[in-house]
Amino acid sequence: MAVGILKNCSLCRITQHVKSVNYYLVIARKSSSSNKSKDKMKYDLIGQPNPVSNLRTIKFHVPDNENEIERQFRLKREEVQKWNQEFWTKHNTNFVKERKEFIALHEKETTVDGIKEPISADKLSVFYKRFLDNNWKTHLVYNYEWYKKNATLILLGLRVKVNRLKRLTYRNNND
């Protein structure tokens, strides 16, 4: 089911939700009704949030004429995505485990005559602060690595754009 109307323009961008696959199509895909072979993915697909890491998985498009710089950029993006997914999966799993332990401990302490008193937001805020305090170094290292990886991606992306501009300029000069 497409959202929006796609005009016959290569620069038109739409967001389309493909419910059967649970992926968002970032850029409109050309329909190939005459092509009987399996339709090859032509654009990056962004999936639903991972239930543990809360990050969306991206399936990156691999162009047929991908050059070495574009390949390095795509592979680095995949590597950073994988690293990010692994970090947040581990972090969020640890958070949920510790929160359950905190709530279970609270329930043991506040059960009177078999009736459990619900945990208050103030008591949960104590847990949240303690969790952040205990994991501040992990977050610091994560942020440092994240900035380094993003700087690398920005530089590779810039190289890709300059390379494409050179190709386009060269092609226009030869026409």
C-alpha atoms as a PDB file:
ATOM      1  CA  MET A   1       0.000   0.000   0.000  1.00  0.00           C
ATOM      2  CA  ALA A   2       1.712   3.198  -1.150  1.00  0.00           C
ATOM      3  CA  VAL A   3       1.491   6.462   0.714  1.00  0.00           C
ATOM      4  CA  GLY A   4       1.430   9.420  -1.663  1.00  0.00           C
ATOM      5  CA  ILE A   5       1.460   9.602  -5.425  1.00  0.00           C
ATOM      6  CA  LEU A   6       4.644   8.942  -7.398  1.00  0.00           C
ATOM      7  CA  LYS A   7       5.073  11.129 -10.467  1.00  0.00           C
ATOM      8  CA  ASN A   8       7.299  10.095 -13.344  1.00  0.00           C
ATOM      9  CA  CYS A   9      10.398  11.763 -11.843  1.00  0.00           C
ATOM     10  CA  SER A  10      13.669  10.154 -10.740  1.00  0.00           C
ATOM     11  CA  LEU A  11      14.038  12.619  -7.840  1.00  0.00           C
ATOM     12  CA  CYS A  12      10.589  12.020  -6.329  1.00  0.00           C
ATOM     13  CA  ARG A  13      10.941  10.389  -2.931  1.00  0.00           C
ATOM     14  CA  ILE A  14       8.103   8.731  -1.100  1.00  0.00           C
ATOM     15  CA  THR A  15       7.718   6.557   1.914  1.00  0.00           C
ATOM     16  CA  GLN A  16       5.932   3.310   1.285  1.00  0.00           C
ATOM     17  CA  HIS A  17       5.032   0.768   3.920  1.00  0.00           C
ATOM     18  CA  VAL A  18       5.222  -2.809   2.720  1.00  0.00           C
ATOM     19  CA  LYS A  19       3.104  -4.645   5.295  1.00  0.00           C
ATOM     20  CA  SER A  20       3.882  -8.163   4.111  1.00  0.00           C
ATOM     21  CA  VAL A  21       7.595  -7.667   4.746  1.00  0.00           C
ATOM     22  CA  ASN A  22       7.336  -5.069   7.547  1.00  0.00           C
ATOM     23  CA  TYR A  23       9.891  -2.859   5.872  1.00  0.00           C
ATOM     24  CA  TYR A  24       9.704   0.759   4.850  1.00  0.00           C
ATOM     25  CA  LEU A  25      10.837   1.588   1.384  1.00  0.00           C
ATOM     26  CA  VAL A  26      12.956   4.698   1.746  1.00  0.00           C
ATOM     27  CA  ILE A  27      12.865   5.732  -1.892  1.00  0.00           C
ATOM     28  CA  ALA A  28      10.195   4.797  -4.427  1.00  0.00           C
ATOM     29  CA  ARG A  29      10.975   1.625  -6.323  1.00  0.00           C
ATOM     30  CA  LYS A  30      10.493   1.318 -10.078  1.00  0.00           C
ATOM     31  CA  SER A  31       7.828  -1.217 -10.889  1.00  0.00           C
ATOM     32  CA  SER A  32       8.844  -3.891 -13.328  1.00  0.00           C
ATOM     33  CA  SER A  33       5.662  -5.656 -14.325  1.00  0.00           C
ATOM     34  CA  SER A  34       7.285  -6.865 -17.540  1.00  0.00           C
ATOM     35  CA  ASN A  35      10.237  -8.334 -15.646  1.00  0.00           C
ATOM     36  CA  LYS A  36       9.307 -11.895 -14.656  1.00  0.00           C
ATOM     37  CA  SER A  37      12.511 -12.503 -12.685  1.00  0.00           C
ATOM     38  CA  LYS A  38      12.589 -11.887  -8.961  1.00  0.00           C
ATOM     39  CA  ASP A  39      12.614  -8.138  -8.283  1.00  0.00           C
ATOM     40  CA  LYS A  40      16.040  -7.085  -6.974  1.00  0.00           C
ATOM     41  CA  MET A  41      16.086  -4.638  -4.090  1.00  0.00           C
ATOM     42  CA  LYS A  42      16.988  -1.219  -5.497  1.00  0.00           C
ATOM     43  CA  TYR A  43      16.900   0.976  -2.379  1.00  0.00           C
ATOM     44  CA  ASP A  44      17.674   0.782   1.331  1.00  0.00           C
ATOM     45  CA  LEU A  45      14.902  -0.821   3.357  1.00  0.00           C
ATOM     46  CA  ILE A  46      14.267   0.245   6.945  1.00  0.00           C
ATOM     47  CA  GLY A  47      12.610  -2.337   9.174  1.00  0.00           C
ATOM     48  CA  GLN A  48      10.455  -2.211  12.255  1.00  0.00           C
ATOM     49  CA  PRO A  49      12.156  -1.470  15.587  1.00  0.00           C
ATOM     50  CA  ASN A  50      13.918  -4.428  17.167  1.00  0.00           C
ATOM     51  CA  PRO A  51      11.947  -5.364  20.307  1.00  0.00           C
ATOM     52  CA  VAL A  52      15.098  -5.492  22.465  1.00  0.00           C
ATOM     53  CA  SER A  53      17.451  -2.828  21.075  1.00  0.00           C
ATOM     54  CA  ASN A  54      14.613  -0.529  19.898  1.00  0.00           C
ATOM     55  CA  LEU A  55      16.668   0.262  16.771  1.00  0.00           C
ATOM     56  CA  ARG A  56      15.418  -0.192  13.228  1.00  0.00           C
ATOM     57  CA  THR A  57      17.368  -2.655  11.091  1.00  0.00           C
ATOM     58  CA  ILE A  58      18.403  -1.416   7.660  1.00  0.00           C
ATOM     59  CA  LYS A  59      18.914  -3.626   4.625  1.00  0.00           C
ATOM     60  CA  PHE A  60      21.348  -1.718   2.442  1.00  0.00           C
ATOM     61  CA  HIS A  61      20.991  -1.615  -1.334  1.00  0.00           C
ATOM     62  CA  VAL A  62      23.969  -2.926  -3.303  1.00  0.00           C
ATOM     63  CA  PRO A  63      24.105  -1.176  -6.696  1.00  0.00           C
ATOM     64  CA  ASP A  64      25.191  -3.146  -9.747  1.00  0.00           C
ATOM     65  CA  ASN A  65      27.860  -0.562 -10.618  1.00  0.00           C
ATOM     66  CA  GLU A  66      29.124  -0.056  -7.047  1.00  0.00           C
ATOM     67  CA  ASN A  67      32.720   1.167  -7.033  1.00  0.00           C
ATOM     68  CA  GLU A  68      35.301   0.539  -4.302  1.00  0.00           C
ATOM     69  CA  ILE A  69      34.609   3.746  -2.347  1.00  0.00           C
ATOM     70  CA  GLU A  70      30.838   3.098  -2.374  1.00  0.00           C
ATOM     71  CA  ARG A  71      31.450  -0.495  -1.270  1.00  0.00           C
ATOM     72  CA  GLN A  72      33.659   0.655   1.626  1.00  0.00           C
ATOM     73  CA  PHE A  73      30.983   3.156   2.668  1.00  0.00           C
ATOM     74  CA  ARG A  74      28.180   0.549   2.544  1.00  0.00           C
ATOM     75  CA  LEU A  75      30.239  -2.028   4.452  1.00  0.00           C
ATOM     76  CA  LYS A  76      31.191   0.542   7.108  1.00  0.00           C
ATOM     77  CA  ARG A  77      27.516   1.508   7.504  1.00  0.00           C
ATOM     78  CA  GLU A  78      26.621  -2.173   7.958  1.00  0.00           C
ATOM     79  CA  GLU A  79      29.444  -2.608  10.476  1.00  0.00           C
ATOM     80  CA  VAL A  80      28.344   0.442  12.491  1.00  0.00           C
ATOM     81  CA  GLN A  81      24.721  -0.709  12.417  1.00  0.00           C
ATOM     82  CA  LYS A  82      25.704  -4.165  13.679  1.00  0.00           C
ATOM     83  CA  TRP A  83      27.892  -2.680  16.433  1.00  0.00           C
ATOM     84  CA  ASN A  84      25.094  -0.329  17.489  1.00  0.00           C
ATOM     85  CA  GLN A  85      22.493  -3.140  17.527  1.00  0.00           C
ATOM     86  CA  GLU A  86      24.779  -5.346  19.632  1.00  0.00           C
ATOM     87  CA  PHE A  87      25.498  -2.576  22.153  1.00  0.00           C
ATOM     88  CA  TRP A  88      21.860  -1.588  22.670  1.00  0.00           C
ATOM     89  CA  THR A  89      20.646  -5.197  22.755  1.00  0.00           C
ATOM     90  CA  LYS A  90      23.144  -5.984  25.522  1.00  0.00           C
ATOM     91  CA  HIS A  91      22.472  -2.711  27.346  1.00  0.00           C
ATOM     92  CA  ASN A  92      18.677  -2.977  27.226  1.00  0.00           C
ATOM     93  CA  THR A  93      18.727  -6.656  28.225  1.00  0.00           C
ATOM     94  CA  ASN A  94      20.862  -5.749  31.236  1.00  0.00           C
ATOM     95  CA  PHE A  95      18.546  -2.830  32.078  1.00  0.00           C
ATOM     96  CA  VAL A  96      15.374  -4.960  31.973  1.00  0.00           C
ATOM     97  CA  LYS A  97      17.028  -7.703  34.056  1.00  0.00           C
ATOM     98  CA  GLU A  98      18.174  -5.267  36.739  1.00  0.00           C
ATOM     99  CA  ARG A  99      14.811  -3.483  36.779  1.00  0.00           C
ATOM    100  CA  LYS A 100      12.975  -6.781  37.280  1.00  0.00           C
ATOM    101  CA  GLU A 101      15.322  -7.644  40.147  1.00  0.00           C
ATOM    102  CA  PHE A 102      14.730  -4.220  41.712  1.00  0.00           C
ATOM    103  CA  ILE A 103      10.947  -4.558  41.407  1.00  0.00           C
ATOM    104  CA  ALA A 104      11.019  -8.113  42.805  1.00  0.00           C
ATOM    105  CA  LEU A 105      13.082  -6.932  45.771  1.00  0.00           C
ATOM    106  CA  HIS A 106      10.655  -4.052  46.328  1.00  0.00           C
ATOM    107  CA  GLU A 107       7.661  -6.413  46.200  1.00  0.00           C
ATOM    108  CA  LYS A 108       9.236  -8.660  48.844  1.00  0.00           C
ATOM    109  CA  GLU A 109       9.807  -5.666  51.111  1.00  0.00           C
ATOM    110  CA  THR A 110       6.341  -4.127  50.660  1.00  0.00           C
ATOM    111  CA  THR A 111       4.102  -7.196  50.756  1.00  0.00           C
ATOM    112  CA  VAL A 112       1.777  -6.929  53.744  1.00  0.00           C
ATOM    113  CA  ASP A 113      -0.694  -9.776  54.421  1.00  0.00           C
ATOM    114  CA  GLY A 114      -0.229 -11.072  50.876  1.00  0.00           C
ATOM    115  CA  ILE A 115      -1.090  -7.701  49.289  1.00  0.00           C
ATOM    116  CA  LYS A 116       1.603  -6.207  47.073  1.00  0.00           C
ATOM    117  CA  GLU A 117       2.025  -2.466  47.156  1.00  0.00           C
ATOM    118  CA  PRO A 118       2.729  -1.029  43.687  1.00  0.00           C
ATOM    119  CA  ILE A 119       6.129   0.528  43.209  1.00  0.00           C
ATOM    120  CA  SER A 120       6.105   4.323  43.053  1.00  0.00           C
ATOM    121  CA  ALA A 121       7.762   6.478  40.419  1.00  0.00           C
ATOM    122  CA  ASP A 122      10.011   7.932  43.129  1.00  0.00           C
ATOM    123  CA  LYS A 123      11.345   4.494  44.039  1.00  0.00           C
ATOM    124  CA  LEU A 124      11.856   3.618  40.373  1.00  0.00           C
ATOM    125  CA  SER A 125      13.759   6.882  39.885  1.00  0.00           C
ATOM    126  CA  VAL A 126      16.222   5.660  42.519  1.00  0.00           C
ATOM    127  CA  PHE A 127      16.794   2.557  40.415  1.00  0.00           C
ATOM    128  CA  TYR A 128      17.172   4.585  37.190  1.00  0.00           C
ATOM    129  CA  LYS A 129      19.744   6.902  38.784  1.00  0.00           C
ATOM    130  CA  ARG A 130      21.701   3.978  40.232  1.00  0.00           C
ATOM    131  CA  PHE A 131      21.636   2.172  36.879  1.00  0.00           C
ATOM    132  CA  LEU A 132      22.934   5.246  35.032  1.00  0.00           C
ATOM    133  CA  ASP A 133      25.584   5.863  37.689  1.00  0.00           C
ATOM    134  CA  ASN A 134      26.775   2.256  37.473  1.00  0.00           C
ATOM    135  CA  ASN A 135      26.910   2.394  33.648  1.00  0.00           C
ATOM    136  CA  TRP A 136      28.271   5.905  33.059  1.00  0.00           C
ATOM    137  CA  LYS A 137      31.664   4.638  31.937  1.00  0.00           C
ATOM    138  CA  THR A 138      30.057   2.230  29.466  1.00  0.00           C
ATOM    139  CA  HIS A 139      28.021   5.118  28.044  1.00  0.00           C
ATOM    140  CA  LEU A 140      31.101   7.321  27.872  1.00  0.00           C
ATOM    141  CA  VAL A 141      33.043   4.695  25.916  1.00  0.00           C
ATOM    142  CA  TYR A 142      30.013   4.064  23.691  1.00  0.00           C
ATOM    143  CA  ASN A 143      29.630   7.785  22.898  1.00  0.00           C
ATOM    144  CA  TYR A 144      33.336   8.154  22.128  1.00  0.00           C
ATOM    145  CA  GLU A 145      33.251   5.159  19.767  1.00  0.00           C
ATOM    146  CA  TRP A 146      29.982   6.359  18.219  1.00  0.00           C
ATOM    147  CA  TYR A 147      31.503   9.774  17.419  1.00  0.00           C
ATOM    148  CA  LYS A 148      34.591   8.144  15.869  1.00  0.00           C
ATOM    149  CA  LYS A 149      32.466   5.809  13.753  1.00  0.00           C
ATOM    150  CA  ASN A 150      30.189   8.655  12.629  1.00  0.00           C
ATOM    151  CA  ALA A 151      33.185  10.798  11.672  1.00  0.00           C
ATOM    152  CA  THR A 152      34.476   7.913   9.556  1.00  0.00           C
ATOM    153  CA  LEU A 153      31.046   7.517   7.927  1.00  0.00           C
ATOM    154  CA  ILE A 154      30.850  11.246   7.187  1.00  0.00           C
ATOM    155  CA  LEU A 155      34.284  11.210   5.536  1.00  0.00           C
ATOM    156  CA  LEU A 156      33.459   8.096   3.495  1.00  0.00           C
ATOM    157  CA  GLY A 157      30.096   9.601   2.500  1.00  0.00           C
ATOM    158  CA  LEU A 158      31.860  12.777   1.398  1.00  0.00           C
ATOM    159  CA  ARG A 159      34.305  10.730  -0.684  1.00  0.00           C
ATOM    160  CA  VAL A 160      31.361   8.930  -2.321  1.00  0.00           C
ATOM    161  CA  LYS A 161      29.642  12.246  -3.158  1.00  0.00           C
ATOM    162  CA  VAL A 162      32.866  13.752  -4.594  1.00  0.00           C
ATOM    163  CA  ASN A 163      33.472  10.588  -6.626  1.00  0.00           C
ATOM    164  CA  ARG A 164      29.918  10.707  -8.036  1.00  0.00           C
ATOM    165  CA  LEU A 165      30.315  14.408  -8.842  1.00  0.00           C
ATOM    166  CA  LYS A 166      33.566  13.669 -10.702  1.00  0.00           C
ATOM    167  CA  ARG A 167      31.859  10.888 -12.678  1.00  0.00           C
ATOM    168  CA  LEU A 168      28.946  13.161 -13.530  1.00  0.00           C
ATOM    169  CA  THR A 169      31.260  16.028 -14.550  1.00  0.00           C
ATOM    170  CA  TYR A 170      33.408  13.690 -16.644  1.00  0.00           C
ATOM    171  CA  ARG A 171      30.326  12.217 -18.313  1.00  0.00           C
ATOM    172  CA  ASN A 172      28.906  15.703 -19.079  1.00  0.00           C
ATOM    173  CA  ASN A 173      32.229  16.902 -20.520  1.00  0.00           C
ATOM    174  CA  ASN A 174      32.376  13.896 -22.845  1.00  0.00           C
ATOM    175  CA  ASP A 175      28.834  14.386 -24.175  1.00  0.00           C
END
